[in-house]
C-alpha atoms as a PDB file:
ATOM      1  CA  MET A   1       1.678-145.210-108.994  1.00  0.00           C
ATOM      2  CA  ASP A   2      -1.742-143.776-108.256  1.00  0.00           C
ATOM      3  CA  ILE A   3      -3.563-140.812-109.772  1.00  0.00           C
ATOM      4  CA  ASN A   4      -2.557-138.404-106.963  1.00  0.00           C
ATOM      5  CA  ASP A   5       1.153-139.184-107.386  1.00  0.00           C
ATOM      6  CA  ILE A   6       0.949-138.634-111.142  1.00  0.00           C
ATOM      7  CA  LEU A   7      -0.884-135.317-110.765  1.00  0.00           C
ATOM      8  CA  LYS A   8       1.468-134.191-107.976  1.00  0.00           C
ATOM      9  CA  GLU A   9       4.475-134.847-110.203  1.00  0.00           C
ATOM     10  CA  ALA A  10       2.805-133.005-113.108  1.00  0.00           C
ATOM     11  CA  LYS A  11       2.048-130.052-110.829  1.00  0.00           C
ATOM     12  CA  GLU A  12       5.679-129.895-109.659  1.00  0.00           C
ATOM     13  CA  GLN A  13       6.947-129.949-113.256  1.00  0.00           C
ATOM     14  CA  MET A  14       4.446-127.285-114.328  1.00  0.00           C
ATOM     15  CA  SER A  15       5.341-125.125-111.345  1.00  0.00           C
ATOM     16  CA  LYS A  16       9.058-125.313-112.213  1.00  0.00           C
ATOM     17  CA  SER A  17       8.292-124.443-115.847  1.00  0.00           C
ATOM     18  CA  PHE A  18       6.181-121.481-114.746  1.00  0.00           C
ATOM     19  CA  ASP A  19       8.819-120.232-112.287  1.00  0.00           C
ATOM     20  CA  PHE A  20      11.529-120.432-114.952  1.00  0.00           C
ATOM     21  CA  SER A  21       9.424-118.629-117.573  1.00  0.00           C
ATOM     22  CA  LYS A  22       8.400-115.965-115.077  1.00  0.00           C
ATOM     23  CA  ALA A  23      12.031-115.344-114.107  1.00  0.00           C
ATOM     24  CA  GLN A  24      13.043-115.079-117.780  1.00  0.00           C
ATOM     25  CA  ILE A  25      10.240-112.614-118.548  1.00  0.00           C
ATOM     26  CA  GLU A  26      10.879-110.506-115.449  1.00  0.00           C
ATOM     27  CA  LYS A  27      14.563-110.101-116.369  1.00  0.00           C
ATOM     28  CA  ILE A  28      13.601-108.110-119.466  1.00  0.00           C
ATOM     29  CA  ARG A  29      14.055-104.418-118.753  1.00  0.00           C
ATOM     30  CA  THR A  30      11.150-102.035-119.094  1.00  0.00           C
ATOM     31  CA  GLY A  31      12.989 -98.738-119.201  1.00  0.00           C
ATOM     32  CA  GLY A  32      13.840 -97.787-115.643  1.00  0.00           C
ATOM     33  CA  ALA A  33      16.917 -98.728-113.652  1.00  0.00           C
ATOM     34  CA  SER A  34      16.565-101.867-111.561  1.00  0.00           C
ATOM     35  CA  ALA A  35      19.036-104.094-109.731  1.00  0.00           C
ATOM     36  CA  THR A  36      17.476-107.083-111.519  1.00  0.00           C
ATOM     37  CA  LEU A  37      18.963-105.816-114.799  1.00  0.00           C
ATOM     38  CA  VAL A  38      22.390-106.972-113.644  1.00  0.00           C
ATOM     39  CA  ASP A  39      21.182-110.195-111.998  1.00  0.00           C
ATOM     40  CA  GLY A  40      22.824-113.203-113.510  1.00  0.00           C
ATOM     41  CA  ILE A  41      26.067-111.392-114.363  1.00  0.00           C
ATOM     42  CA  GLU A  42      29.050-113.392-113.187  1.00  0.00           C
ATOM     43  CA  VAL A  43      32.350-111.741-112.287  1.00  0.00           C
ATOM     44  CA  ILE A  44      35.736-113.418-112.210  1.00  0.00           C
ATOM     45  CA  ALA A  45      36.681-112.837-108.583  1.00  0.00           C
ATOM     46  CA  TYR A  46      39.675-114.498-106.945  1.00  0.00           C
ATOM     47  CA  GLY A  47      39.978-116.950-109.839  1.00  0.00           C
ATOM     48  CA  THR A  48      36.366-118.178-109.915  1.00  0.00           C
ATOM     49  CA  ASN A  49      33.101-117.060-111.488  1.00  0.00           C
ATOM     50  CA  THR A  50      31.025-115.386-108.788  1.00  0.00           C
ATOM     51  CA  PRO A  51      27.576-113.777-109.046  1.00  0.00           C
ATOM     52  CA  LEU A  52      27.862-109.979-109.086  1.00  0.00           C
ATOM     53  CA  ASN A  53      25.543-109.575-106.090  1.00  0.00           C
ATOM     54  CA  GLN A  54      28.004-111.601-103.958  1.00  0.00           C
ATOM     55  CA  VAL A  55      30.961-109.299-104.615  1.00  0.00           C
ATOM     56  CA  ALA A  56      29.214-105.914-104.678  1.00  0.00           C
ATOM     57  CA  GLY A  57      26.304-103.926-103.329  1.00  0.00           C
ATOM     58  CA  ILE A  58      23.821-103.014-106.057  1.00  0.00           C
ATOM     59  CA  SER A  59      21.495-100.040-105.713  1.00  0.00           C
ATOM     60  CA  THR A  60      19.434 -97.659-107.818  1.00  0.00           C
ATOM     61  CA  PRO A  61      19.956 -94.102-106.547  1.00  0.00           C
ATOM     62  CA  ASP A  62      17.528 -92.788-109.176  1.00  0.00           C
ATOM     63  CA  ALA A  63      15.260 -94.040-111.965  1.00  0.00           C
ATOM     64  CA  ARG A  64      18.023 -93.898-114.595  1.00  0.00           C
ATOM     65  CA  THR A  65      21.112 -95.128-112.716  1.00  0.00           C
ATOM     66  CA  ILE A  66      22.340 -98.421-111.289  1.00  0.00           C
ATOM     67  CA  MET A  67      25.182 -98.087-108.797  1.00  0.00           C
ATOM     68  CA  ILE A  68      27.519-100.995-108.086  1.00  0.00           C
ATOM     69  CA  GLN A  69      29.787-100.711-105.071  1.00  0.00           C
ATOM     70  CA  PRO A  70      32.270-103.601-104.824  1.00  0.00           C
ATOM     71  CA  TYR A  71      33.076-104.915-101.367  1.00  0.00           C
ATOM     72  CA  ASP A  72      36.695-105.094-102.589  1.00  0.00           C
ATOM     73  CA  THR A  73      37.694-102.215-104.905  1.00  0.00           C
ATOM     74  CA  THR A  74      40.348-104.399-106.585  1.00  0.00           C
ATOM     75  CA  LEU A  75      37.429-106.152-108.317  1.00  0.00           C
ATOM     76  CA  LEU A  76      36.183-102.927-109.944  1.00  0.00           C
ATOM     77  CA  SER A  77      37.782-103.594-113.348  1.00  0.00           C
ATOM     78  CA  SER A  78      36.594-107.249-113.346  1.00  0.00           C
ATOM     79  CA  ILE A  79      33.042-106.099-112.599  1.00  0.00           C
ATOM     80  CA  GLU A  80      33.206-103.441-115.317  1.00  0.00           C
ATOM     81  CA  LYS A  81      34.467-106.015-117.840  1.00  0.00           C
ATOM     82  CA  ALA A  82      31.740-108.525-116.868  1.00  0.00           C
ATOM     83  CA  ILE A  83      29.029-105.885-117.378  1.00  0.00           C
ATOM     84  CA  GLN A  84      30.391-104.999-120.809  1.00  0.00           C
ATOM     85  CA  LEU A  85      30.641-108.690-121.783  1.00  0.00           C
ATOM     86  CA  ALA A  86      27.030-109.276-120.672  1.00  0.00           C
ATOM     87  CA  ASP A  87      26.009-107.247-123.751  1.00  0.00           C
ATOM     88  CA  LEU A  88      23.123-105.459-122.069  1.00  0.00           C
ATOM     89  CA  GLY A  89      23.797-102.216-123.915  1.00  0.00           C
ATOM     90  CA  PHE A  90      25.215-100.551-120.793  1.00  0.00           C
ATOM     91  CA  ASN A  91      28.298 -98.357-120.619  1.00  0.00           C
ATOM     92  CA  PRO A  92      29.500 -98.428-116.987  1.00  0.00           C
ATOM     93  CA  GLN A  93      31.310 -95.373-115.627  1.00  0.00           C
ATOM     94  CA  ASN A  94      34.154 -96.179-113.235  1.00  0.00           C
ATOM     95  CA  ASP A  95      35.127 -93.486-110.730  1.00  0.00           C
ATOM     96  CA  GLY A  96      37.670 -95.634-108.860  1.00  0.00           C
ATOM     97  CA  ASN A  97      35.321 -96.586-106.009  1.00  0.00           C
ATOM     98  CA  VAL A  98      31.964 -97.395-107.592  1.00  0.00           C
ATOM     99  CA  LEU A  99      30.515 -98.143-111.008  1.00  0.00           C
ATOM    100  CA  ARG A 100      27.627 -96.053-112.186  1.00  0.00           C
ATOM    101  CA  ILE A 101      25.559 -97.438-115.026  1.00  0.00           C
ATOM    102  CA  PRO A 102      23.350 -94.908-116.790  1.00  0.00           C
ATOM    103  CA  VAL A 103      20.257 -96.719-118.064  1.00  0.00           C
ATOM    104  CA  PRO A 104      19.120 -95.130-121.315  1.00  0.00           C
ATOM    105  CA  PRO A 105      15.397 -94.973-122.050  1.00  0.00           C
ATOM    106  CA  LEU A 106      14.163 -97.696-124.391  1.00  0.00           C
ATOM    107  CA  THR A 107      13.385 -96.816-127.986  1.00  0.00           C
ATOM    108  CA  GLU A 108      10.038 -97.922-129.416  1.00  0.00           C
ATOM    109  CA  GLU A 109      11.861-100.401-131.660  1.00  0.00           C
ATOM    110  CA  ARG A 110      13.709-101.894-128.684  1.00  0.00           C
ATOM    111  CA  ARG A 111      10.457-102.134-126.691  1.00  0.00           C
ATOM    112  CA  LEU A 112       8.809-104.115-129.506  1.00  0.00           C
ATOM    113  CA  GLU A 113      11.882-106.332-129.722  1.00  0.00           C
ATOM    114  CA  TYR A 114      11.627-107.040-125.983  1.00  0.00           C
ATOM    115  CA  VAL A 115       7.916-107.862-126.345  1.00  0.00           C
ATOM    116  CA  LYS A 116       8.867-110.502-128.942  1.00  0.00           C
ATOM    117  CA  VAL A 117      11.508-111.949-126.617  1.00  0.00           C
ATOM    118  CA  CYS A 118       8.963-112.087-123.768  1.00  0.00           C
ATOM    119  CA  LYS A 119       6.427-113.725-126.072  1.00  0.00           C
ATOM    120  CA  ASN A 120       9.000-116.417-126.936  1.00  0.00           C
ATOM    121  CA  TYR A 121       9.755-117.053-123.247  1.00  0.00           C
ATOM    122  CA  ALA A 122       6.022-117.331-122.555  1.00  0.00           C
ATOM    123  CA  GLU A 123       5.543-119.766-125.443  1.00  0.00           C
ATOM    124  CA  GLU A 124       8.475-121.905-124.274  1.00  0.00           C
ATOM    125  CA  GLY A 125       6.825-122.041-120.843  1.00  0.00           C
ATOM    126  CA  ARG A 126       3.471-123.037-122.342  1.00  0.00           C
ATOM    127  CA  ILE A 127       5.152-125.804-124.356  1.00  0.00           C
ATOM    128  CA  ALA A 128       6.949-127.135-121.256  1.00  0.00           C
ATOM    129  CA  ILE A 129       3.646-127.142-119.345  1.00  0.00           C
ATOM    130  CA  ARG A 130       1.868-128.975-122.168  1.00  0.00           C
ATOM    131  CA  ASN A 131       4.696-131.522-122.227  1.00  0.00           C
ATOM    132  CA  SER A 132       4.154-132.091-118.495  1.00  0.00           C
ATOM    133  CA  ARG A 133       0.448-132.638-119.184  1.00  0.00           C
ATOM    134  CA  ARG A 134       1.244-135.109-121.973  1.00  0.00           C
ATOM    135  CA  SER A 135       3.637-136.992-119.700  1.00  0.00           C
ATOM    136  CA  ALA A 136       0.984-137.186-116.949  1.00  0.00           C
ATOM    137  CA  ILE A 137      -1.662-138.426-119.387  1.00  0.00           C
ATOM    138  CA  GLU A 138       0.727-141.080-120.719  1.00  0.00           C
ATOM    139  CA  SER A 139       1.415-142.222-117.140  1.00  0.00           C
ATOM    140  CA  LEU A 140      -2.327-142.356-116.412  1.00  0.00           C
ATOM    141  CA  ARG A 141      -3.000-144.405-119.543  1.00  0.00           C
ATOM    142  CA  ALA A 142      -0.161-146.784-118.707  1.00  0.00           C
ATOM    143  CA  ALA A 143      -1.483-147.197-115.148  1.00  0.00           C
ATOM    144  CA  GLU A 144      -4.975-147.920-116.504  1.00  0.00           C
ATOM    145  CA  LYS A 145      -3.552-150.422-118.994  1.00  0.00           C
ATOM    146  CA  GLU A 146      -1.701-152.182-116.155  1.00  0.00           C
ATOM    147  CA  SER A 147      -4.984-152.195-114.178  1.00  0.00           C
ATOM    148  CA  GLU A 148      -3.465-150.050-111.410  1.00  0.00           C
ATOM    149  CA  ILE A 149      -6.325-147.549-111.798  1.00  0.00           C
ATOM    150  CA  SER A 150      -9.799-147.797-113.311  1.00  0.00           C
ATOM    151  CA  GLU A 151     -10.870-146.153-116.567  1.00  0.00           C
ATOM    152  CA  ASP A 152     -12.933-143.618-114.585  1.00  0.00           C
ATOM    153  CA  GLN A 153      -9.890-142.739-112.477  1.00  0.00           C
ATOM    154  CA  GLN A 154      -7.865-142.319-115.666  1.00  0.00           C
ATOM    155  CA  LYS A 155     -10.459-139.902-117.077  1.00  0.00           C
ATOM    156  CA  ASP A 156     -10.572-137.998-113.765  1.00  0.00           C
ATOM    157  CA  GLY A 157      -6.772-137.816-113.814  1.00  0.00           C
ATOM    158  CA  GLU A 158      -6.759-136.502-117.381  1.00  0.00           C
ATOM    159  CA  THR A 159      -9.301-133.856-116.371  1.00  0.00           C
ATOM    160  CA  GLY A 160      -7.104-132.913-113.396  1.00  0.00           C
ATOM    161  CA  ALA A 161      -4.026-132.691-115.642  1.00  0.00           C
ATOM    162  CA  GLN A 162      -5.913-130.415-118.044  1.00  0.00           C
ATOM    163  CA  GLU A 163      -7.080-128.187-115.175  1.00  0.00           C
ATOM    164  CA  LEU A 164      -3.474-127.849-113.950  1.00  0.00           C
ATOM    165  CA  THR A 165      -2.363-127.064-117.500  1.00  0.00           C
ATOM    166  CA  ASP A 166      -5.010-124.361-117.893  1.00  0.00           C
ATOM    167  CA  LYS A 167      -4.069-122.857-114.512  1.00  0.00           C
ATOM    168  CA  TYR A 168      -0.328-122.638-115.203  1.00  0.00           C
ATOM    169  CA  ILE A 169      -0.733-121.446-118.792  1.00  0.00           C
ATOM    170  CA  GLY A 170      -3.099-118.756-117.492  1.00  0.00           C
ATOM    171  CA  MET A 171      -0.443-117.705-114.972  1.00  0.00           C
ATOM    172  CA  ILE A 172       2.188-117.428-117.727  1.00  0.00           C
ATOM    173  CA  ASP A 173      -0.237-115.445-119.897  1.00  0.00           C
ATOM    174  CA  SER A 174      -0.836-113.085-116.978  1.00  0.00           C
ATOM    175  CA  VAL A 175       2.893-112.506-116.359  1.00  0.00           C
ATOM    176  CA  PHE A 176       3.396-111.887-120.092  1.00  0.00           C
ATOM    177  CA  ALA A 177       0.453-109.466-120.287  1.00  0.00           C
ATOM    178  CA  ILE A 178       1.813-107.442-117.355  1.00  0.00           C
ATOM    179  CA  LYS A 179       5.286-107.234-118.911  1.00  0.00           C
ATOM    180  CA  GLU A 180       3.832-106.352-122.322  1.00  0.00           C
ATOM    181  CA  LYS A 181       1.832-103.547-120.728  1.00  0.00           C
ATOM    182  CA  GLU A 182       4.952-102.277-118.929  1.00  0.00           C
ATOM    183  CA  LEU A 183       6.884-102.312-122.196  1.00  0.00           C
ATOM    184  CA  ILE A 184       4.418-100.691-124.579  1.00  0.00           C
ATOM    185  CA  GLY A 185       1.665 -99.375-122.348  1.00  0.00           C
ATOM    186  CA  LYS A 186      -0.948-101.500-124.099  1.00  0.00           C
ATOM    187  CA  ASP A 187      -4.217-102.122-122.260  1.00  0.00           C
END
């Protein structure tokens, strides 16, 4: 295995870690209604767990309401139950055809709680990225020990792994800073 293969693998792992952390952070609500707030909810439809967005249209008619219109109205009660079980603090209103979910404004306490959750997701992402760096450096050292690469190539590879680490950690920090600003309006 040469230096490029090792760094390519590290980059792929870091990219996956970043994408996962970013998705986790972006799921946290910032106050307004958004279809992403109900992403990930699974509904029991026709005997199997099915993502909500595959059994219903999801829209936000205004800044404080999420509207869920099932493609099959017989699934309305299953969708309502799934939303309540998701424990998002929502109280769906069923009118027989659609579900309306009023999205209450976040309290200051809840905003700070969400910042902590985001901070934890960001830290988990940083740790995963550092683990990818460590794995790459171990592979480089093993390759140098087996005389597959020179000592200079090993050092260059370690520098490359550190640069990738800095890049992806910076990207996570940026996503976190944006979400933190959305949550508490901090500059």
